[in-house]
Amino acid sequence: MKRRLSFQVKLFLSLVLFSCLLLALQGAILFHFIDRQLHHDLGQRARVQASEIALMPGLAEKVANRDIAAIARLIQPLREQSDASYIVIGDAREQHLYHSESPERLNLPLIGGDNAEVLQGKTIISVRKGGIGISLRSKAPIFDARHQVIGIVSVGYLTSWIANLNISLLWQASLYGLALLLLLFIFSWAFSRNLKKQMFWLEPKDIALLVLQQKALLEAMYEGVFAVNAERQLILINRAARELLEIERSESELLGKPLQEVVQIHPAFLSQSGRQHDQITVLNQRQVIANRVAIELEPGVPGGWVCSFRDKNDINTLSSQLSQIRRYADNLRIMRHEQLNWTATLVGLLQMQRYDDAMRYIQAQSAGAQQVLDFVSARFTSPALCGLLLGKYVSAREKGVELQFDPACQLTRIPTAISETALMSVVGNLLDNAVDATLNAGHPVAPVELYISDRNQELLIEVADRGCGVDEQLKPHLFEQGVSSKPASGDALLGSEHGIGLYLVAGYVHQAGGSIEIEHNSPRGTIFSVFIPYQPTAMTGLSHEQR
């Protein structure tokens, strides 16, 4: 299997390769500029030397007389001091009178074909192939006393010598380049290693996978989540947060926006130090339970915050449902306790061989209970609902309240719009409220009446008590969460578990497309009527009387 290079090695090699290419390009450009500048400087130097030699006293007379030996004695000392590759003196007929490097070329023609302008009195710079090779040279005219051109002075630098000079300069520059390249190697490795460290030693594909996993996880979360940076700009928000806070814009439209433009939150929530868990706060006028954790890029220095939150009503609803389950368990314990007492009494009578008394006791105890059991099992087809009603009957009797079933009760099927569990919650909470309202009304204790019917294509549930009733000002808010009508004076408790019971009832009925009515019971008390259709209708808000 082919082994893949890590991101750190790839980044290091990329930086090194790019640095090498950059240095090579820079070297080529540098060579070009050095070569051009060197040719310019050497051309000007040859021009100056040629012009000065042409103006030397006595040179014009010696050229005019073609005194080759005298010319050599005059020029040779200059040749030893000059760095030029050669010095040549020629006459007006373009023949050599002096050649510093090739004396054998005396009286031979000058080579290069660039003497015409010089014989016209001009000083030139050219690159031509001469007797000893290609050279960069300058030629200056020699004038006599009448300002007539009688000779030519040529001072030149061989291109091979110039190339060697360029190579020498580039070699010196390359040493600095190698040192720079070594520093680039060290920098590239340190940079790639530091970048990999900031990436938690993960490969880019691993980071991409983590980002996709995080996005999927956030979108799948039931809790709302949002994150801000140190400048309190939104850098993340999931779907649940937008739905809970009723934000209609998409995540891409929200990212980068100041938090206060998106979420109305108290500034102190993000100003407090340390972590915050299960803190009650208000986001966009919605009461939520929030958690806040700082994003620490460095220990003790927050670089932002991540906040998760859930609706406080959801927690209260779950708490109420748990309380309802506990009440079911309490009802079962009451029934078990009563049964144990009844059984113990019966066992005692049998041990004393008082069989007639035992028979009378059995008949007395079972008469009422059997009658209720027979009625409930015959009228209601749901076993769970039968068990609930029997438990509520025993529980109410233990509290001194009688639960009466209307003789016309009937439930052969449960509407499809409401589950069996939700129906039990509705009936159980209404009965609990009625029993509590009855107990708080004082003596004499009146019975609580229950009527359940599935006639007329709708499920009707009526629970009537003779408690203290409901205040008219409280009726519009009775089904709101946390609303309870139990004052210190002992009025009715409507909404068990601190106003959660009726909130749950209203929620289940609303989801089933039903309605709730509240009426005054004569001579006192309240009648709660719940209507749930068998054919689900569009879910609408509860009426003013219902809410």
Protein backbone atom coordinates (compact mmCIF):
# COMPACT_ATOMS: atom_id res chain seq x y z
CA MET A 1 0.00 0.00 0.00
CA LYS A 2 1.37 3.37 -1.03
CA ARG A 3 2.24 5.50 1.93
CA ARG A 4 0.92 9.02 1.83
CA LEU A 5 2.94 11.94 3.07
CA SER A 6 1.61 13.79 6.08
CA PHE A 7 0.34 17.33 5.86
CA GLN A 8 3.40 18.64 7.72
CA VAL A 9 5.83 16.98 5.27
CA LYS A 10 3.79 18.14 2.26
CA LEU A 11 3.72 21.69 3.54
CA PHE A 12 7.46 21.59 4.29
CA LEU A 13 8.33 20.24 0.83
CA SER A 14 6.01 22.76 -0.82
CA LEU A 15 7.64 25.65 1.02
CA VAL A 16 11.14 24.35 0.24
CA LEU A 17 10.33 23.81 -3.44
CA PHE A 18 8.75 27.22 -3.71
CA SER A 19 11.73 28.80 -1.94
CA CYS A 20 14.16 27.06 -4.30
CA LEU A 21 12.21 28.19 -7.35
CA LEU A 22 12.04 31.69 -5.97
CA LEU A 23 15.79 31.75 -5.30
CA ALA A 24 16.52 30.33 -8.77
CA LEU A 25 14.36 32.97 -10.39
CA GLN A 26 15.97 35.64 -8.27
CA GLY A 27 19.43 34.29 -9.22
CA ALA A 28 18.59 34.43 -12.94
CA ILE A 29 17.30 37.97 -12.62
CA LEU A 30 20.35 38.89 -10.56
CA PHE A 31 22.68 37.35 -13.15
CA HIS A 32 20.93 39.29 -15.91
CA PHE A 33 21.26 42.60 -14.06
CA ILE A 34 24.85 41.94 -13.00
CA ASP A 35 25.85 40.98 -16.54
CA ARG A 36 24.16 44.02 -18.04
CA GLN A 37 25.63 46.35 -15.43
CA LEU A 38 29.07 44.80 -15.82
CA HIS A 39 28.97 45.20 -19.60
CA HIS A 40 27.92 48.82 -19.15
CA ASP A 41 30.62 49.58 -16.59
CA LEU A 42 33.40 47.83 -18.54
CA GLY A 43 32.28 49.52 -21.78
CA GLN A 44 32.50 52.91 -20.12
CA ARG A 45 35.86 52.01 -18.61
CA ALA A 46 37.20 50.94 -22.01
CA ARG A 47 35.84 54.16 -23.52
CA VAL A 48 37.60 56.30 -20.94
CA GLN A 49 40.88 54.43 -21.38
CA ALA A 50 40.69 54.59 -25.18
CA SER A 51 39.92 58.31 -25.11
CA GLU A 52 42.79 59.05 -22.70
CA ILE A 53 45.30 57.00 -24.70
CA ALA A 54 44.25 58.77 -27.92
CA LEU A 55 45.03 62.12 -26.29
CA MET A 56 48.49 61.11 -24.98
CA PRO A 57 51.17 63.60 -26.01
CA GLY A 58 53.41 62.33 -28.85
CA LEU A 59 51.16 59.41 -29.82
CA ALA A 60 49.76 61.21 -32.87
CA GLU A 61 53.29 61.99 -34.20
CA LYS A 62 54.44 58.40 -33.71
CA VAL A 63 51.32 57.09 -35.47
CA ALA A 64 51.78 59.52 -38.31
CA ASN A 65 55.39 58.39 -38.67
CA ARG A 66 54.40 54.71 -38.18
CA ASP A 67 57.09 54.44 -35.50
CA ILE A 68 56.06 51.06 -34.18
CA ALA A 69 58.81 50.73 -31.58
CA ALA A 70 58.18 54.18 -30.15
CA ILE A 71 54.47 53.42 -29.95
CA ALA A 72 55.18 50.21 -28.05
CA ARG A 73 57.47 51.99 -25.57
CA LEU A 74 54.75 54.60 -24.97
CA ILE A 75 51.80 52.21 -24.56
CA GLN A 76 53.41 49.29 -22.75
CA PRO A 77 53.58 50.98 -19.30
CA LEU A 78 49.84 51.76 -19.61
CA ARG A 79 49.10 48.17 -20.56
CA GLU A 80 50.69 46.93 -17.34
CA GLN A 81 48.48 49.22 -15.27
CA SER A 82 45.25 48.58 -17.17
CA ASP A 83 42.84 45.71 -16.40
CA ALA A 84 41.76 45.56 -20.05
CA SER A 85 42.24 42.33 -21.96
CA TYR A 86 44.15 44.14 -24.71
CA ILE A 87 45.16 47.55 -26.13
CA VAL A 88 45.49 48.00 -29.89
CA ILE A 89 46.78 50.96 -31.93
CA GLY A 90 46.03 51.17 -35.65
CA ASP A 91 46.58 53.71 -38.42
CA ALA A 92 44.11 55.37 -40.76
CA ARG A 93 44.46 52.46 -43.17
CA GLU A 94 43.14 50.12 -40.44
CA GLN A 95 46.43 48.28 -39.97
CA HIS A 96 47.92 47.24 -36.63
CA LEU A 97 50.71 49.46 -35.28
CA TYR A 98 50.57 47.96 -31.76
CA HIS A 99 48.87 44.91 -30.19
CA SER A 100 49.49 44.27 -26.52
CA GLU A 101 48.61 40.54 -26.70
CA SER A 102 49.53 39.54 -30.29
CA PRO A 103 52.64 41.37 -31.58
CA GLU A 104 52.62 39.09 -34.62
CA ARG A 105 49.57 40.95 -35.93
CA LEU A 106 51.59 44.14 -36.63
CA ASN A 107 50.91 45.60 -40.08
CA LEU A 108 47.91 43.27 -40.42
CA PRO A 109 44.39 44.67 -40.88
CA LEU A 110 42.17 45.42 -37.90
CA ILE A 111 39.37 42.85 -37.48
CA GLY A 112 35.74 43.56 -36.60
CA GLY A 113 34.44 45.92 -39.25
CA ASP A 114 33.51 48.66 -36.78
CA ASN A 115 36.15 51.27 -37.78
CA ALA A 116 34.10 53.41 -40.15
CA GLU A 117 32.55 55.62 -37.47
CA VAL A 118 35.88 55.91 -35.67
CA LEU A 119 37.60 57.16 -38.83
CA GLN A 120 34.87 59.78 -38.99
CA GLY A 121 35.94 61.07 -35.57
CA LYS A 122 33.52 59.22 -33.24
CA THR A 123 34.26 57.17 -30.14
CA ILE A 124 32.27 53.91 -30.10
CA ILE A 125 31.59 50.89 -27.87
CA SER A 126 30.88 47.53 -29.56
CA VAL A 127 31.07 43.79 -29.13
CA ARG A 128 33.00 42.20 -31.94
CA LYS A 129 35.19 39.21 -32.65
CA GLY A 130 38.81 40.31 -32.85
CA GLY A 131 42.09 38.59 -33.35
CA ILE A 132 42.05 36.94 -29.88
CA GLY A 133 38.31 36.37 -29.57
CA ILE A 134 34.96 38.06 -28.91
CA SER A 135 35.32 41.16 -26.77
CA LEU A 136 33.60 44.22 -25.45
CA ARG A 137 35.68 47.10 -26.75
CA SER A 138 35.78 50.84 -27.19
CA LYS A 139 37.53 52.61 -30.05
CA ALA A 140 38.63 56.27 -30.08
CA PRO A 141 40.13 58.27 -33.00
CA ILE A 142 43.67 59.76 -32.93
CA PHE A 143 43.79 63.29 -34.32
CA ASP A 144 46.80 65.15 -35.73
CA ALA A 145 47.48 68.87 -35.39
CA ARG A 146 44.98 69.64 -38.16
CA HIS A 147 42.30 67.57 -36.38
CA GLN A 148 42.46 64.88 -38.99
CA VAL A 149 42.00 61.24 -37.99
CA ILE A 150 45.29 59.48 -38.44
CA GLY A 151 44.85 56.45 -36.21
CA ILE A 152 42.64 54.32 -33.95
CA VAL A 153 42.97 53.29 -30.28
CA SER A 154 41.07 50.11 -29.24
CA VAL A 155 40.74 48.97 -25.62
CA GLY A 156 38.77 45.76 -25.05
CA TYR A 157 37.65 43.14 -22.51
CA LEU A 158 37.19 39.56 -23.68
CA THR A 159 33.67 38.22 -23.08
CA SER A 160 35.20 35.06 -21.63
CA TRP A 161 36.91 37.17 -19.01
CA ILE A 162 33.63 38.98 -18.32
CA ALA A 163 31.85 35.64 -17.95
CA ASN A 164 34.44 34.46 -15.44
CA LEU A 165 33.95 37.69 -13.52
CA ASN A 166 30.18 37.13 -13.52
CA ILE A 167 30.63 33.57 -12.28
CA SER A 168 32.88 34.79 -9.49
CA LEU A 169 30.29 37.34 -8.42
CA LEU A 170 27.48 34.81 -8.64
CA TRP A 171 29.48 32.28 -6.64
CA GLN A 172 29.86 34.82 -3.85
CA ALA A 173 26.13 35.60 -4.08
CA SER A 174 25.30 31.87 -4.12
CA LEU A 175 27.02 31.44 -0.75
CA TYR A 176 24.63 33.98 0.71
CA GLY A 177 21.80 32.26 -1.17
CA LEU A 178 22.69 28.90 0.36
CA ALA A 179 22.73 30.45 3.80
CA LEU A 180 19.34 32.01 3.06
CA LEU A 181 18.05 28.68 1.75
CA LEU A 182 19.16 26.95 4.94
CA LEU A 183 17.29 29.53 6.98
CA LEU A 184 14.26 28.96 4.75
CA PHE A 185 14.51 25.22 5.42
CA ILE A 186 14.55 25.82 9.16
CA PHE A 187 11.71 28.34 8.93
CA SER A 188 9.63 26.04 6.72
CA TRP A 189 9.98 23.11 9.09
CA ALA A 190 9.25 25.22 12.16
CA PHE A 191 6.28 26.88 10.44
CA SER A 192 4.78 23.59 9.24
CA ARG A 193 5.30 22.01 12.67
CA ASN A 194 3.70 24.95 14.47
CA LEU A 195 0.77 24.93 12.05
CA LYS A 196 0.29 21.20 12.58
CA LYS A 197 0.39 21.79 16.34
CA GLN A 198 -2.35 24.41 16.07
CA MET A 199 -4.34 21.83 14.10
CA PHE A 200 -3.95 19.41 17.05
CA TRP A 201 -1.70 17.19 14.90
CA LEU A 202 -4.66 16.35 12.66
CA GLU A 203 -4.60 15.95 8.91
CA PRO A 204 -6.78 18.29 6.81
CA LYS A 205 -9.05 15.39 5.82
CA ASP A 206 -9.48 14.55 9.52
CA ILE A 207 -10.35 18.17 10.27
CA ALA A 208 -12.85 18.22 7.39
CA LEU A 209 -14.43 15.03 8.73
CA LEU A 210 -14.63 16.51 12.24
CA VAL A 211 -16.28 19.65 10.87
CA LEU A 212 -18.88 17.59 9.02
CA GLN A 213 -19.46 15.43 12.09
CA GLN A 214 -19.80 18.51 14.29
CA LYS A 215 -22.28 20.09 11.90
CA ALA A 216 -24.35 16.89 11.75
CA LEU A 217 -24.19 16.54 15.55
CA LEU A 218 -25.29 20.13 16.13
CA GLU A 219 -28.17 19.80 13.69
CA ALA A 220 -29.28 16.56 15.38
CA MET A 221 -29.22 18.03 18.89
CA TYR A 222 -32.50 18.79 20.59
CA GLU A 223 -30.91 21.60 22.61
CA GLY A 224 -30.18 24.95 21.04
CA VAL A 225 -26.48 25.78 20.65
CA PHE A 226 -24.71 28.95 19.55
CA ALA A 227 -21.11 30.13 19.83
CA VAL A 228 -19.47 33.57 19.72
CA ASN A 229 -15.87 34.72 19.43
CA ALA A 230 -14.04 37.15 21.70
CA GLU A 231 -15.66 40.10 19.84
CA ARG A 232 -19.08 38.53 20.53
CA GLN A 233 -19.72 37.83 16.88
CA LEU A 234 -21.79 34.78 16.08
CA ILE A 235 -19.65 31.94 14.72
CA LEU A 236 -22.08 29.02 15.08
CA ILE A 237 -25.79 28.43 15.60
CA ASN A 238 -27.73 25.21 15.08
CA ARG A 239 -31.21 24.54 13.78
CA ALA A 240 -32.72 23.90 17.23
CA ALA A 241 -31.49 27.30 18.47
CA ARG A 242 -33.05 29.09 15.50
CA GLU A 243 -36.34 27.27 16.04
CA LEU A 244 -36.46 27.83 19.81
CA LEU A 245 -35.60 31.53 19.42
CA GLU A 246 -37.90 31.92 16.38
CA ILE A 247 -35.10 33.12 14.08
CA GLU A 248 -36.18 32.77 10.46
CA ARG A 249 -32.82 33.57 8.82
CA SER A 250 -30.44 30.78 7.80
CA GLU A 251 -27.15 30.03 9.53
CA SER A 252 -25.09 31.52 6.67
CA GLU A 253 -26.94 34.82 7.03
CA LEU A 254 -26.33 34.94 10.78
CA LEU A 255 -22.63 34.03 10.97
CA GLY A 256 -20.41 37.03 11.61
CA LYS A 257 -23.25 39.15 12.96
CA PRO A 258 -22.97 40.72 16.43
CA LEU A 259 -24.75 38.53 18.96
CA GLN A 260 -27.01 41.34 20.16
CA GLU A 261 -28.44 41.69 16.62
CA VAL A 262 -29.52 38.04 16.62
CA VAL A 263 -30.13 37.04 20.25
CA GLN A 264 -31.44 39.36 22.92
CA ILE A 265 -29.40 38.31 25.94
CA HIS A 266 -28.31 40.00 29.13
CA PRO A 267 -24.69 41.24 28.72
CA ALA A 268 -23.73 39.85 32.12
CA PHE A 269 -24.37 36.30 30.91
CA LEU A 270 -21.18 36.37 28.82
CA SER A 271 -19.24 38.59 31.20
CA GLN A 272 -19.17 36.29 34.19
CA SER A 273 -16.05 34.23 34.69
CA GLY A 274 -15.89 30.45 34.80
CA ARG A 275 -18.48 27.98 33.60
CA GLN A 276 -22.20 28.39 34.08
CA HIS A 277 -24.52 25.37 34.23
CA ASP A 278 -28.32 25.21 34.42
CA GLN A 279 -28.67 28.97 34.76
CA ILE A 280 -32.12 30.43 34.15
CA THR A 281 -31.93 33.34 31.71
CA VAL A 282 -34.02 35.01 28.99
CA LEU A 283 -33.18 34.70 25.29
CA ASN A 284 -35.39 36.58 22.82
CA GLN A 285 -38.02 37.01 25.52
CA ARG A 286 -38.10 33.24 26.13
CA GLN A 287 -37.16 31.85 29.52
CA VAL A 288 -34.58 29.11 29.09
CA ILE A 289 -32.14 27.03 31.12
CA ALA A 290 -28.69 27.74 29.69
CA ASN A 291 -25.13 26.47 30.00
CA ARG A 292 -22.07 28.49 29.05
CA VAL A 293 -18.49 27.28 28.51
CA ALA A 294 -15.56 29.49 27.53
CA ILE A 295 -13.41 28.74 24.46
CA GLU A 296 -9.87 29.03 25.82
CA LEU A 297 -7.20 29.38 23.12
CA GLU A 298 -4.75 29.99 25.94
CA PRO A 299 -5.16 28.98 29.59
CA GLY A 300 -7.25 31.58 31.39
CA VAL A 301 -7.81 33.72 28.26
CA PRO A 302 -11.30 33.20 26.78
CA GLY A 303 -11.42 33.39 23.01
CA GLY A 304 -15.20 33.07 22.89
CA TRP A 305 -18.09 31.19 24.42
CA VAL A 306 -20.31 28.23 23.58
CA CYS A 307 -23.85 28.37 24.95
CA SER A 308 -26.42 25.59 24.99
CA PHE A 309 -29.97 26.06 26.19
CA ARG A 310 -33.34 24.38 26.39
CA ASP A 311 -36.82 25.72 26.97
CA LYS A 312 -37.66 25.90 30.65
CA ASN A 313 -41.19 24.75 29.87
CA ASP A 314 -39.84 21.43 28.56
CA ILE A 315 -38.13 20.76 31.87
CA ASN A 316 -41.27 21.59 33.79
CA THR A 317 -43.32 19.36 31.50
CA LEU A 318 -40.99 16.42 32.06
CA SER A 319 -41.08 17.08 35.78
CA SER A 320 -44.86 17.05 35.74
CA GLN A 321 -44.97 13.82 33.75
CA LEU A 322 -42.59 12.24 36.23
CA SER A 323 -44.78 13.44 39.09
CA GLN A 324 -47.78 11.91 37.37
CA ILE A 325 -46.01 8.55 37.13
CA ARG A 326 -45.16 8.81 40.80
CA ARG A 327 -48.83 9.41 41.56
CA TYR A 328 -49.70 6.26 39.65
CA ALA A 329 -47.19 4.37 41.77
CA ASP A 330 -48.63 5.92 44.94
CA ASN A 331 -52.10 4.79 43.89
CA LEU A 332 -50.85 1.25 43.43
CA ARG A 333 -49.16 1.33 46.85
CA ILE A 334 -52.41 2.54 48.44
CA MET A 335 -54.32 -0.27 46.80
CA ARG A 336 -51.69 -2.79 47.88
CA HIS A 337 -51.71 -1.44 51.45
CA GLU A 338 -55.50 -1.65 51.61
CA GLN A 339 -55.46 -5.16 50.20
CA LEU A 340 -52.88 -6.29 52.75
CA ASN A 341 -54.98 -4.92 55.62
CA TRP A 342 -58.09 -6.63 54.24
CA THR A 343 -56.18 -9.91 53.80
CA ALA A 344 -54.68 -9.73 57.30
CA THR A 345 -58.12 -9.24 58.84
CA LEU A 346 -59.51 -12.15 56.88
CA VAL A 347 -56.63 -14.42 57.89
CA GLY A 348 -57.17 -13.56 61.56
CA LEU A 349 -60.87 -14.45 61.40
CA LEU A 350 -60.08 -17.73 59.68
CA GLN A 351 -57.44 -18.63 62.25
CA MET A 352 -59.99 -18.06 65.03
CA GLN A 353 -62.35 -20.33 63.09
CA ARG A 354 -64.96 -17.59 62.96
CA TYR A 355 -66.06 -18.55 59.48
CA ASP A 356 -69.44 -16.83 59.58
CA ASP A 357 -67.80 -13.53 60.54
CA ALA A 358 -65.22 -14.03 57.78
CA MET A 359 -67.95 -14.53 55.17
CA ARG A 360 -69.81 -11.43 56.32
CA TYR A 361 -66.52 -9.44 56.24
CA ILE A 362 -65.76 -10.62 52.71
CA GLN A 363 -69.22 -9.72 51.53
CA ALA A 364 -69.07 -6.29 53.18
CA GLN A 365 -65.64 -5.40 51.81
CA SER A 366 -66.12 -6.71 48.31
CA ALA A 367 -69.60 -5.36 47.73
CA GLY A 368 -68.57 -1.74 47.00
CA ALA A 369 -65.23 -2.51 45.42
CA GLN A 370 -66.65 -5.22 43.19
CA GLN A 371 -69.41 -2.94 42.08
CA VAL A 372 -66.90 -0.24 41.01
CA LEU A 373 -64.63 -2.84 39.41
CA ASP A 374 -67.51 -4.35 37.44
CA PHE A 375 -68.72 -0.92 36.31
CA VAL A 376 -65.29 0.32 35.20
CA SER A 377 -64.33 -2.88 33.38
CA ALA A 378 -67.69 -3.02 31.63
CA ARG A 379 -67.77 0.63 30.53
CA PHE A 380 -64.17 1.23 29.46
CA THR A 381 -62.28 -0.94 26.97
CA SER A 382 -58.83 0.50 27.78
CA PRO A 383 -57.13 -1.61 30.50
CA ALA A 384 -54.73 1.24 31.32
CA LEU A 385 -57.60 3.68 31.78
CA CYS A 386 -59.46 1.13 33.96
CA GLY A 387 -56.42 0.76 36.17
CA LEU A 388 -56.05 4.55 36.42
CA LEU A 389 -59.69 5.05 37.39
CA LEU A 390 -59.59 2.29 40.02
CA GLY A 391 -56.39 3.80 41.46
CA LYS A 392 -57.94 7.27 41.55
CA TYR A 393 -61.05 5.84 43.19
CA VAL A 394 -59.04 4.19 45.97
CA SER A 395 -56.76 7.22 46.35
CA ALA A 396 -59.70 9.61 46.66
CA ARG A 397 -61.40 7.34 49.18
CA GLU A 398 -58.18 7.26 51.26
CA LYS A 399 -58.32 11.08 51.32
CA GLY A 400 -61.98 11.07 52.33
CA VAL A 401 -63.39 12.03 48.93
CA GLU A 402 -65.82 9.87 47.01
CA LEU A 403 -65.31 9.50 43.25
CA GLN A 404 -68.67 8.95 41.53
CA PHE A 405 -68.97 7.61 37.98
CA ASP A 406 -71.90 8.74 35.86
CA PRO A 407 -74.07 5.71 34.97
CA ALA A 408 -73.95 6.80 31.30
CA CYS A 409 -70.14 6.51 31.06
CA GLN A 410 -68.90 4.72 27.97
CA LEU A 411 -65.57 4.49 26.11
CA THR A 412 -65.27 1.85 23.41
CA ARG A 413 -62.37 3.37 21.48
CA ILE A 414 -59.80 6.10 21.93
CA PRO A 415 -59.55 8.86 19.28
CA THR A 416 -56.57 8.43 16.96
CA ALA A 417 -55.58 12.06 17.57
CA ILE A 418 -54.60 11.34 21.20
CA SER A 419 -52.49 8.53 22.61
CA GLU A 420 -53.57 6.32 25.49
CA THR A 421 -50.83 7.79 27.67
CA ALA A 422 -51.94 11.36 26.88
CA LEU A 423 -55.57 10.46 27.61
CA MET A 424 -54.58 9.04 31.00
CA SER A 425 -52.66 12.26 31.73
CA VAL A 426 -55.71 14.38 30.86
CA VAL A 427 -58.11 12.32 33.02
CA GLY A 428 -55.64 11.88 35.88
CA ASN A 429 -54.77 15.58 36.15
CA LEU A 430 -58.40 16.68 36.00
CA LEU A 431 -59.34 14.20 38.76
CA ASP A 432 -56.37 15.25 40.91
CA ASN A 433 -57.35 18.91 40.54
CA ALA A 434 -60.96 18.13 41.44
CA VAL A 435 -59.99 16.11 44.55
CA ASP A 436 -57.59 18.82 45.72
CA ALA A 437 -60.20 21.52 45.11
CA THR A 438 -62.75 19.48 47.09
CA LEU A 439 -60.38 18.99 50.03
CA ASN A 440 -59.51 22.68 50.10
CA ALA A 441 -63.17 23.71 50.17
CA GLY A 442 -63.62 22.48 53.74
CA HIS A 443 -66.38 20.30 55.24
CA PRO A 444 -68.67 18.74 54.41
CA VAL A 445 -66.67 16.97 51.69
CA ALA A 446 -68.73 16.58 48.52
CA PRO A 447 -68.12 13.84 45.94
CA VAL A 448 -66.23 14.35 42.67
CA GLU A 449 -68.21 13.33 39.60
CA LEU A 450 -66.72 11.90 36.38
CA TYR A 451 -68.41 11.46 33.02
CA ILE A 452 -66.65 9.96 30.00
CA SER A 453 -68.53 9.33 26.75
CA ASP A 454 -67.60 8.59 23.15
CA ARG A 455 -71.03 9.28 21.70
CA ASN A 456 -71.74 11.93 19.02
CA GLN A 457 -68.40 11.33 17.17
CA GLU A 458 -66.35 12.97 19.89
CA LEU A 459 -64.81 12.04 23.19
CA LEU A 460 -66.35 14.02 26.05
CA ILE A 461 -64.69 14.11 29.47
CA GLU A 462 -66.42 16.01 32.28
CA VAL A 463 -65.04 16.35 35.80
CA ALA A 464 -67.17 18.23 38.33
CA ASP A 465 -66.22 19.21 41.86
CA ARG A 466 -67.83 21.27 44.59
CA GLY A 467 -64.77 23.23 45.58
CA CYS A 468 -64.39 27.00 45.76
CA GLY A 469 -64.51 27.46 41.99
CA VAL A 470 -62.28 29.55 39.74
CA ASP A 471 -61.88 33.30 39.92
CA GLU A 472 -63.10 35.00 36.73
CA GLN A 473 -59.88 36.99 36.39
CA LEU A 474 -57.87 33.76 36.50
CA LYS A 475 -59.83 31.87 33.83
CA PRO A 476 -58.06 33.39 30.76
CA HIS A 477 -54.66 32.35 32.20
CA LEU A 478 -55.65 29.10 33.89
CA PHE A 479 -53.97 26.83 31.31
CA GLU A 480 -50.72 28.78 31.18
CA GLN A 481 -47.68 27.15 32.71
CA GLY A 482 -47.06 27.96 36.37
CA VAL A 483 -50.54 29.42 36.98
CA SER A 484 -52.22 28.09 40.14
CA SER A 485 -55.29 29.32 41.96
CA LYS A 486 -54.38 27.98 45.39
CA PRO A 487 -54.19 31.00 47.74
CA ALA A 488 -53.17 30.97 51.32
CA SER A 489 -56.82 31.09 52.34
CA GLY A 490 -57.43 27.62 50.99
CA ASP A 491 -59.20 28.14 47.65
CA ALA A 492 -59.17 25.45 45.01
CA LEU A 493 -55.93 24.18 43.58
CA LEU A 494 -56.33 24.18 39.83
CA GLY A 495 -53.15 23.01 38.21
CA SER A 496 -51.24 20.43 40.22
CA GLU A 497 -47.51 20.52 40.66
CA HIS A 498 -47.36 24.32 40.80
CA GLY A 499 -49.60 24.96 37.79
CA ILE A 500 -48.21 22.26 35.49
CA GLY A 501 -51.14 19.80 35.48
CA LEU A 502 -53.66 21.93 33.60
CA TYR A 503 -50.87 23.16 31.32
CA LEU A 504 -50.25 19.53 30.32
CA VAL A 505 -53.97 18.91 29.88
CA ALA A 506 -54.31 21.92 27.58
CA GLY A 507 -51.25 20.85 25.60
CA TYR A 508 -52.52 17.32 24.96
CA VAL A 509 -56.01 18.50 24.09
CA HIS A 510 -54.67 21.19 21.77
CA GLN A 511 -52.46 18.67 19.96
CA ALA A 512 -55.49 16.40 19.46
CA GLY A 513 -57.48 19.24 17.90
CA GLY A 514 -59.87 19.40 20.84
CA SER A 515 -61.14 22.10 23.18
CA ILE A 516 -61.73 22.74 26.89
CA GLU A 517 -64.60 24.54 28.56
CA ILE A 518 -64.83 25.76 32.16
CA GLU A 519 -68.24 26.23 33.78
CA HIS A 520 -69.52 27.04 37.24
CA ASN A 521 -70.99 24.06 39.11
CA SER A 522 -74.16 24.57 41.12
CA PRO A 523 -74.27 25.41 43.95
CA ARG A 524 -70.49 25.77 43.97
CA GLY A 525 -67.40 24.38 42.35
CA THR A 526 -66.22 23.93 38.76
CA ILE A 527 -66.98 21.69 35.79
CA PHE A 528 -64.15 20.99 33.32
CA SER A 529 -65.38 19.71 29.94
CA VAL A 530 -62.93 18.31 27.37
CA PHE A 531 -64.01 17.67 23.75
CA ILE A 532 -61.76 15.60 21.46
CA PRO A 533 -63.09 14.80 17.95
CA TYR A 534 -62.66 11.35 16.44
CA GLN A 535 -61.91 12.94 13.08
CA PRO A 536 -58.80 15.19 13.65
CA THR A 537 -59.36 18.80 12.70
CA ALA A 538 -56.88 21.54 12.11
CA MET A 539 -55.12 22.48 15.31
CA THR A 540 -56.38 25.85 16.42
CA GLY A 541 -55.77 27.95 19.44
CA LEU A 542 -57.99 27.57 22.48
CA SER A 543 -60.84 29.99 22.96
CA HIS A 544 -60.72 32.84 25.36
CA GLU A 545 -62.69 30.87 27.92
CA GLN A 546 -60.39 27.86 27.44
CA ARG A 547 -57.22 29.84 27.88
